[in-house]
């Protein structure tokens, strides 16, 4: 068990601002962790720059099979994490090489040993979260394959950005789209993925809104539960509900012919990554929208969001 270890670059975490230490996390607590693996090879910077400069309609449709073969996780990387799991008594719940993830489940004490850290519970306002201090320490056999380890720390990572205002005039999204010369068309054949970290939506309220907006067709909305227990019932978290409804209403009013798929996750870095990576790796997805956010200082230094694709 006493293998040489190295610091996982960018993995250092500190308690959230205003959080108070409660005590050590119960070692028997079952934790789910997502290990994000490095690519077989890096994507050439020139390809990324060329893609960024293209307009959306100019970008070629991704060949998911070829992309996975070139830039997915290697068999060696997966084997390294499976070996880590076996060594520390963790269960491999899922492997997805195209998304470069291995999901592990096990007791908190085993997770601490596997990733060289200590877990503590913190009080933050009316909520508690599980967190850690300092960097993660991985064995020298494992660290070459790992980009990030998500889920050991389950603090909230983002907030809804909706702000209510008293205004003299109001506009529907399609009115603003016309002012900004939004491309013609109703979005038929497109699938827009929305990432939501809380709340839910009310189908009847959406119907009412779209009717008031004088849409000639009602957009189709589908929800995907990324983790168990979400979405919570509509009306239990009104602030988050407002964010979800606003996202759907804006997309639906501007592109009523598009399919809208709402990916619901809980508000942690692990779930955020899982939702976004599932969305971009679904061959049907043609656009992704994330309206939740928080300052960069609230995140770890791991640039895992850059590597979702």
Protein backbone atom coordinates (compact mmCIF):
# COMPACT_ATOMS: atom_id res chain seq x y z
CA UNK A 1 0.00 0.00 0.00
CA UNK A 2 2.94 2.36 0.64
CA UNK A 3 3.65 3.14 -2.99
CA UNK A 4 5.49 6.30 -4.09
CA UNK A 5 3.04 9.13 -4.75
CA UNK A 6 2.97 12.38 -6.67
CA UNK A 7 0.77 15.49 -6.48
CA UNK A 8 -1.99 15.58 -9.09
CA UNK A 9 -1.43 18.95 -10.75
CA UNK A 10 -4.22 21.45 -10.16
CA UNK A 11 -6.03 19.30 -7.59
CA UNK A 12 -5.51 21.56 -4.55
CA UNK A 13 -8.69 22.57 -2.75
CA UNK A 14 -9.44 24.80 0.21
CA UNK A 15 -12.64 25.14 2.26
CA UNK A 16 -15.35 27.29 0.72
CA UNK A 17 -15.43 30.90 1.89
CA UNK A 18 -17.46 31.12 5.09
CA UNK A 19 -17.49 27.36 5.69
CA UNK A 20 -17.03 25.99 9.21
CA UNK A 21 -15.40 22.67 9.96
CA UNK A 22 -17.76 20.08 11.45
CA UNK A 23 -15.42 17.10 11.66
CA UNK A 24 -14.01 14.11 9.81
CA UNK A 25 -16.31 12.44 7.31
CA UNK A 26 -17.58 9.06 8.51
CA UNK A 27 -15.27 6.53 6.92
CA UNK A 28 -18.17 4.20 6.15
CA UNK A 29 -19.96 6.82 4.02
CA UNK A 30 -20.32 5.49 0.48
CA UNK A 31 -18.93 7.93 -2.08
CA UNK A 32 -19.17 7.99 -5.88
CA UNK A 33 -16.17 9.43 -7.71
CA UNK A 34 -15.54 10.15 -11.38
CA UNK A 35 -11.95 9.81 -12.53
CA UNK A 36 -11.39 11.85 -15.70
CA UNK A 37 -8.67 10.27 -17.82
CA UNK A 38 -6.19 11.97 -20.12
CA UNK A 39 -6.59 11.63 -23.88
CA UNK A 40 -4.61 9.14 -25.92
CA UNK A 41 -3.16 12.19 -27.64
CA UNK A 42 -3.75 15.93 -27.41
CA UNK A 43 -5.95 17.74 -29.91
CA UNK A 44 -3.70 19.93 -32.11
CA UNK A 45 -4.01 23.59 -31.11
CA UNK A 46 -4.36 24.60 -34.77
CA UNK A 47 -7.46 22.39 -35.09
CA UNK A 48 -9.00 23.98 -31.98
CA UNK A 49 -8.29 27.50 -33.21
CA UNK A 50 -9.72 26.75 -36.64
CA UNK A 51 -12.86 25.30 -35.06
CA UNK A 52 -13.35 28.32 -32.78
CA UNK A 53 -13.11 30.74 -35.72
CA UNK A 54 -15.78 28.92 -37.72
CA UNK A 55 -19.40 29.96 -37.53
CA UNK A 56 -21.63 27.24 -36.06
CA UNK A 57 -23.20 26.40 -39.43
CA UNK A 58 -19.73 26.02 -40.95
CA UNK A 59 -18.48 23.44 -38.48
CA UNK A 60 -18.49 19.84 -39.76
CA UNK A 61 -20.60 17.23 -38.01
CA UNK A 62 -18.41 15.33 -35.57
CA UNK A 63 -17.54 11.73 -36.34
CA UNK A 64 -17.87 10.34 -32.83
CA UNK A 65 -16.29 6.96 -33.61
CA UNK A 66 -13.18 8.50 -35.16
CA UNK A 67 -12.94 11.09 -32.39
CA UNK A 68 -13.02 8.37 -29.74
CA UNK A 69 -10.36 6.34 -31.54
CA UNK A 70 -8.05 9.36 -31.72
CA UNK A 71 -8.79 11.29 -28.54
CA UNK A 72 -10.62 8.99 -26.15
CA UNK A 73 -9.05 7.25 -23.16
CA UNK A 74 -6.55 4.48 -23.80
CA UNK A 75 -6.96 0.89 -22.66
CA UNK A 76 -3.85 1.39 -20.51
CA UNK A 77 -5.47 4.33 -18.70
CA UNK A 78 -8.60 2.33 -17.94
CA UNK A 79 -6.52 -0.61 -16.74
CA UNK A 80 -4.56 1.67 -14.40
CA UNK A 81 -7.73 2.90 -12.68
CA UNK A 82 -9.17 -0.60 -12.47
CA UNK A 83 -5.95 -1.68 -10.78
CA UNK A 84 -6.22 1.27 -8.36
CA UNK A 85 -9.81 0.29 -7.54
CA UNK A 86 -8.87 -3.31 -6.85
CA UNK A 87 -5.94 -2.28 -4.67
CA UNK A 88 -8.08 -0.07 -2.43
CA UNK A 89 -11.33 -2.02 -2.36
CA UNK A 90 -13.34 0.23 -4.66
CA UNK A 91 -15.99 -0.87 -7.14
CA UNK A 92 -15.79 0.14 -10.81
CA UNK A 93 -19.35 1.22 -11.57
CA UNK A 94 -18.88 2.41 -15.15
CA UNK A 95 -16.24 2.87 -17.84
CA UNK A 96 -16.77 5.19 -20.80
CA UNK A 97 -13.67 5.59 -22.93
CA UNK A 98 -15.21 8.10 -25.32
CA UNK A 99 -16.01 10.42 -22.41
CA UNK A 100 -12.75 9.41 -20.71
CA UNK A 101 -14.35 8.54 -17.39
CA UNK A 102 -14.16 5.71 -14.90
CA UNK A 103 -16.73 5.87 -12.11
CA UNK A 104 -15.78 4.40 -8.75
CA UNK A 105 -17.87 3.64 -5.66
CA UNK A 106 -16.66 2.83 -2.18
CA UNK A 107 -16.34 3.87 1.47
CA UNK A 108 -14.87 7.28 2.25
CA UNK A 109 -11.94 5.72 4.12
CA UNK A 110 -10.97 3.69 1.05
CA UNK A 111 -11.26 6.76 -1.17
CA UNK A 112 -8.95 8.66 1.19
CA UNK A 113 -6.32 5.94 0.91
CA UNK A 114 -6.66 5.66 -2.87
CA UNK A 115 -6.29 9.39 -3.52
CA UNK A 116 -4.03 10.42 -0.64
CA UNK A 117 -6.34 12.85 1.12
CA UNK A 118 -8.56 13.36 4.17
CA UNK A 119 -12.24 14.16 3.91
CA UNK A 120 -14.08 16.47 6.31
CA UNK A 121 -17.63 17.73 6.65
CA UNK A 122 -18.21 21.49 6.55
CA UNK A 123 -21.19 23.68 7.37
CA UNK A 124 -21.95 26.37 4.82
CA UNK A 125 -25.00 28.44 5.68
CA UNK A 126 -27.90 26.02 6.16
CA UNK A 127 -26.19 23.22 4.23
CA UNK A 128 -23.29 20.87 4.77
CA UNK A 129 -20.85 19.51 2.26
CA UNK A 130 -17.99 17.05 2.17
CA UNK A 131 -14.64 18.61 1.37
CA UNK A 132 -10.87 18.30 1.52
CA UNK A 133 -7.79 20.49 1.85
CA UNK A 134 -4.62 20.44 -0.18
CA UNK A 135 -3.77 18.39 -3.27
CA UNK A 136 -4.52 14.79 -4.16
CA UNK A 137 -1.63 12.32 -4.03
CA UNK A 138 -1.74 9.50 -6.57
CA UNK A 139 0.59 6.57 -7.04
CA UNK A 140 3.30 7.01 -9.66
CA UNK A 141 1.69 4.14 -11.61
CA UNK A 142 -1.65 5.93 -11.80
CA UNK A 143 -0.90 9.64 -12.13
CA UNK A 144 0.25 9.64 -15.80
CA UNK A 145 -3.29 8.74 -16.86
CA UNK A 146 -5.40 11.03 -14.65
CA UNK A 147 -6.65 14.51 -15.50
CA UNK A 148 -9.03 15.04 -12.57
CA UNK A 149 -10.80 13.27 -9.71
CA UNK A 150 -14.31 14.59 -9.12
CA UNK A 151 -16.75 13.79 -6.32
CA UNK A 152 -14.54 13.58 -3.24
CA UNK A 153 -15.55 17.20 -2.62
CA UNK A 154 -19.28 17.75 -3.16
CA UNK A 155 -19.65 21.48 -2.40
CA UNK A 156 -22.05 23.50 -4.62
CA UNK A 157 -20.09 24.78 -7.62
CA UNK A 158 -22.47 27.16 -9.41
CA UNK A 159 -25.50 29.39 -8.97
CA UNK A 160 -28.47 30.29 -11.15
CA UNK A 161 -27.92 33.68 -12.76
CA UNK A 162 -31.58 34.72 -13.08
CA UNK A 163 -32.35 38.17 -11.67
CA UNK A 164 -35.87 39.54 -11.33
CA UNK A 165 -36.37 43.17 -12.35
CA UNK A 166 -39.21 45.67 -12.48
CA UNK A 167 -39.28 46.98 -16.05
CA UNK A 168 -41.41 49.30 -18.14
CA UNK A 169 -41.29 47.16 -21.27
CA UNK A 170 -40.75 43.45 -21.93
CA UNK A 171 -39.77 41.49 -25.02
CA UNK A 172 -40.09 37.88 -26.03
CA UNK A 173 -36.89 36.11 -27.09
CA UNK A 174 -37.86 36.07 -30.76
CA UNK A 175 -38.25 39.87 -30.65
CA UNK A 176 -34.67 40.26 -29.42
CA UNK A 177 -33.51 37.64 -31.93
CA UNK A 178 -34.86 39.80 -34.75
CA UNK A 179 -33.09 42.89 -33.40
CA UNK A 180 -29.79 41.00 -33.26
CA UNK A 181 -30.37 39.46 -36.72
CA UNK A 182 -30.47 35.92 -35.42
CA UNK A 183 -30.20 33.43 -38.35
CA UNK A 184 -33.41 32.56 -40.16
CA UNK A 185 -35.12 29.24 -39.51
CA UNK A 186 -36.96 27.57 -36.67
CA UNK A 187 -34.24 25.14 -35.59
CA UNK A 188 -35.77 22.07 -37.21
CA UNK A 189 -33.29 19.20 -37.15
CA UNK A 190 -31.26 20.71 -34.29
CA UNK A 191 -30.98 19.41 -30.73
CA UNK A 192 -30.13 21.91 -27.98
CA UNK A 193 -28.83 20.50 -24.70
CA UNK A 194 -29.40 22.55 -21.54
CA UNK A 195 -27.31 21.85 -18.43
CA UNK A 196 -29.24 22.46 -15.20
CA UNK A 197 -27.84 22.00 -11.68
CA UNK A 198 -31.10 22.27 -9.78
CA UNK A 199 -34.83 22.90 -10.05
CA UNK A 200 -37.21 21.58 -12.68
CA UNK A 201 -39.79 22.85 -15.16
CA UNK A 202 -43.56 22.88 -15.36
CA UNK A 203 -44.95 21.62 -18.69
CA UNK A 204 -48.22 23.52 -18.24
CA UNK A 205 -46.39 26.76 -17.45
CA UNK A 206 -44.28 26.27 -20.57
CA UNK A 207 -47.41 25.76 -22.65
CA UNK A 208 -48.85 28.98 -21.25
CA UNK A 209 -45.67 30.92 -22.00
CA UNK A 210 -45.29 29.63 -25.54
CA UNK A 211 -48.94 30.39 -26.27
CA UNK A 212 -48.51 33.95 -24.97
CA UNK A 213 -45.43 34.27 -27.21
CA UNK A 214 -47.68 33.41 -30.20
CA UNK A 215 -45.55 30.50 -31.36
CA UNK A 216 -47.00 28.52 -34.23
CA UNK A 217 -45.67 25.27 -32.79
CA UNK A 218 -44.91 24.06 -29.29
CA UNK A 219 -41.26 23.10 -28.74
CA UNK A 220 -40.53 19.54 -27.62
CA UNK A 221 -38.77 19.23 -24.27
CA UNK A 222 -37.17 16.07 -22.88
CA UNK A 223 -35.39 15.66 -19.56
CA UNK A 224 -32.41 13.44 -18.72
CA UNK A 225 -31.53 12.58 -15.12
CA UNK A 226 -27.74 12.45 -14.91
CA UNK A 227 -27.74 11.25 -11.29
CA UNK A 228 -30.49 9.72 -9.13
CA UNK A 229 -32.84 12.10 -7.36
CA UNK A 230 -32.96 14.84 -9.98
CA UNK A 231 -34.84 16.76 -11.06
CA UNK A 232 -36.69 17.52 -7.85
CA UNK A 233 -40.42 18.24 -8.19
CA UNK A 234 -41.30 21.55 -9.82
CA UNK A 235 -42.06 24.19 -7.18
CA UNK A 236 -39.69 22.92 -4.47
CA UNK A 237 -36.80 25.20 -5.50
CA UNK A 238 -38.36 28.26 -7.08
CA UNK A 239 -35.07 30.12 -7.68
CA UNK A 240 -33.63 27.23 -9.65
CA UNK A 241 -36.99 26.58 -11.33
CA UNK A 242 -36.88 30.12 -12.68
CA UNK A 243 -33.45 29.52 -14.23
CA UNK A 244 -34.57 26.26 -15.84
CA UNK A 245 -37.78 27.76 -17.18
CA UNK A 246 -35.97 30.81 -18.56
CA UNK A 247 -33.45 28.62 -20.40
CA UNK A 248 -36.17 26.52 -22.00
CA UNK A 249 -38.33 29.51 -22.86
CA UNK A 250 -35.50 31.40 -24.58
CA UNK A 251 -34.42 28.43 -26.69
CA UNK A 252 -38.00 27.38 -27.42
CA UNK A 253 -39.10 30.84 -28.53
CA UNK A 254 -36.05 31.41 -30.76
CA UNK A 255 -35.92 27.90 -32.24
CA UNK A 256 -39.34 26.29 -31.75
CA UNK A 257 -38.54 23.49 -34.21
CA UNK A 258 -35.48 22.32 -32.29
CA UNK A 259 -35.54 19.45 -29.82
CA UNK A 260 -34.66 20.64 -26.31
CA UNK A 261 -32.97 18.12 -24.01
CA UNK A 262 -32.56 19.22 -20.40
CA UNK A 263 -29.76 17.45 -18.53
CA UNK A 264 -30.47 17.58 -14.79
CA UNK A 265 -27.60 17.09 -12.35
CA UNK A 266 -26.96 17.99 -8.75
CA UNK A 267 -24.79 21.00 -8.00
CA UNK A 268 -21.32 19.42 -7.70
CA UNK A 269 -18.27 19.41 -9.93
CA UNK A 270 -18.73 15.69 -10.58
CA UNK A 271 -22.33 16.03 -11.73
CA UNK A 272 -21.53 19.18 -13.74
CA UNK A 273 -18.88 17.25 -15.65
CA UNK A 274 -21.11 14.20 -16.11
CA UNK A 275 -23.98 16.28 -17.49
CA UNK A 276 -21.86 18.32 -19.87
CA UNK A 277 -19.86 15.35 -21.13
CA UNK A 278 -23.00 13.28 -21.73
CA UNK A 279 -24.54 16.16 -23.64
CA UNK A 280 -21.61 16.80 -25.98
CA UNK A 281 -21.04 13.11 -26.62
CA UNK A 282 -24.65 12.46 -27.62
CA UNK A 283 -24.53 12.33 -31.45
CA UNK A 284 -27.88 14.14 -31.63
CA UNK A 285 -26.61 17.24 -29.79
CA UNK A 286 -25.85 20.22 -32.02
CA UNK A 287 -25.64 22.98 -29.37
CA UNK A 288 -25.08 23.13 -25.62
CA UNK A 289 -26.13 25.94 -23.27
CA UNK A 290 -25.00 26.37 -19.64
CA UNK A 291 -26.38 29.41 -17.82
CA UNK A 292 -25.25 28.43 -14.30
CA UNK A 293 -21.91 29.75 -13.13
CA UNK A 294 -19.60 31.04 -10.42
CA UNK A 295 -16.26 32.86 -10.21
CA UNK A 296 -13.17 30.93 -11.25
CA UNK A 297 -11.74 31.32 -7.74
CA UNK A 298 -14.42 28.93 -6.45
CA UNK A 299 -13.12 26.06 -8.62
CA UNK A 300 -10.09 23.84 -8.38
CA UNK A 301 -7.22 24.53 -10.77
CA UNK A 302 -7.94 21.37 -12.78
CA UNK A 303 -9.01 22.50 -16.26
CA UNK A 304 -11.34 19.53 -16.61
CA UNK A 305 -14.16 21.58 -18.17
CA UNK A 306 -11.91 22.28 -21.16
CA UNK A 307 -11.53 18.56 -21.74
CA UNK A 308 -15.19 17.54 -21.80
CA UNK A 309 -15.09 16.94 -25.53
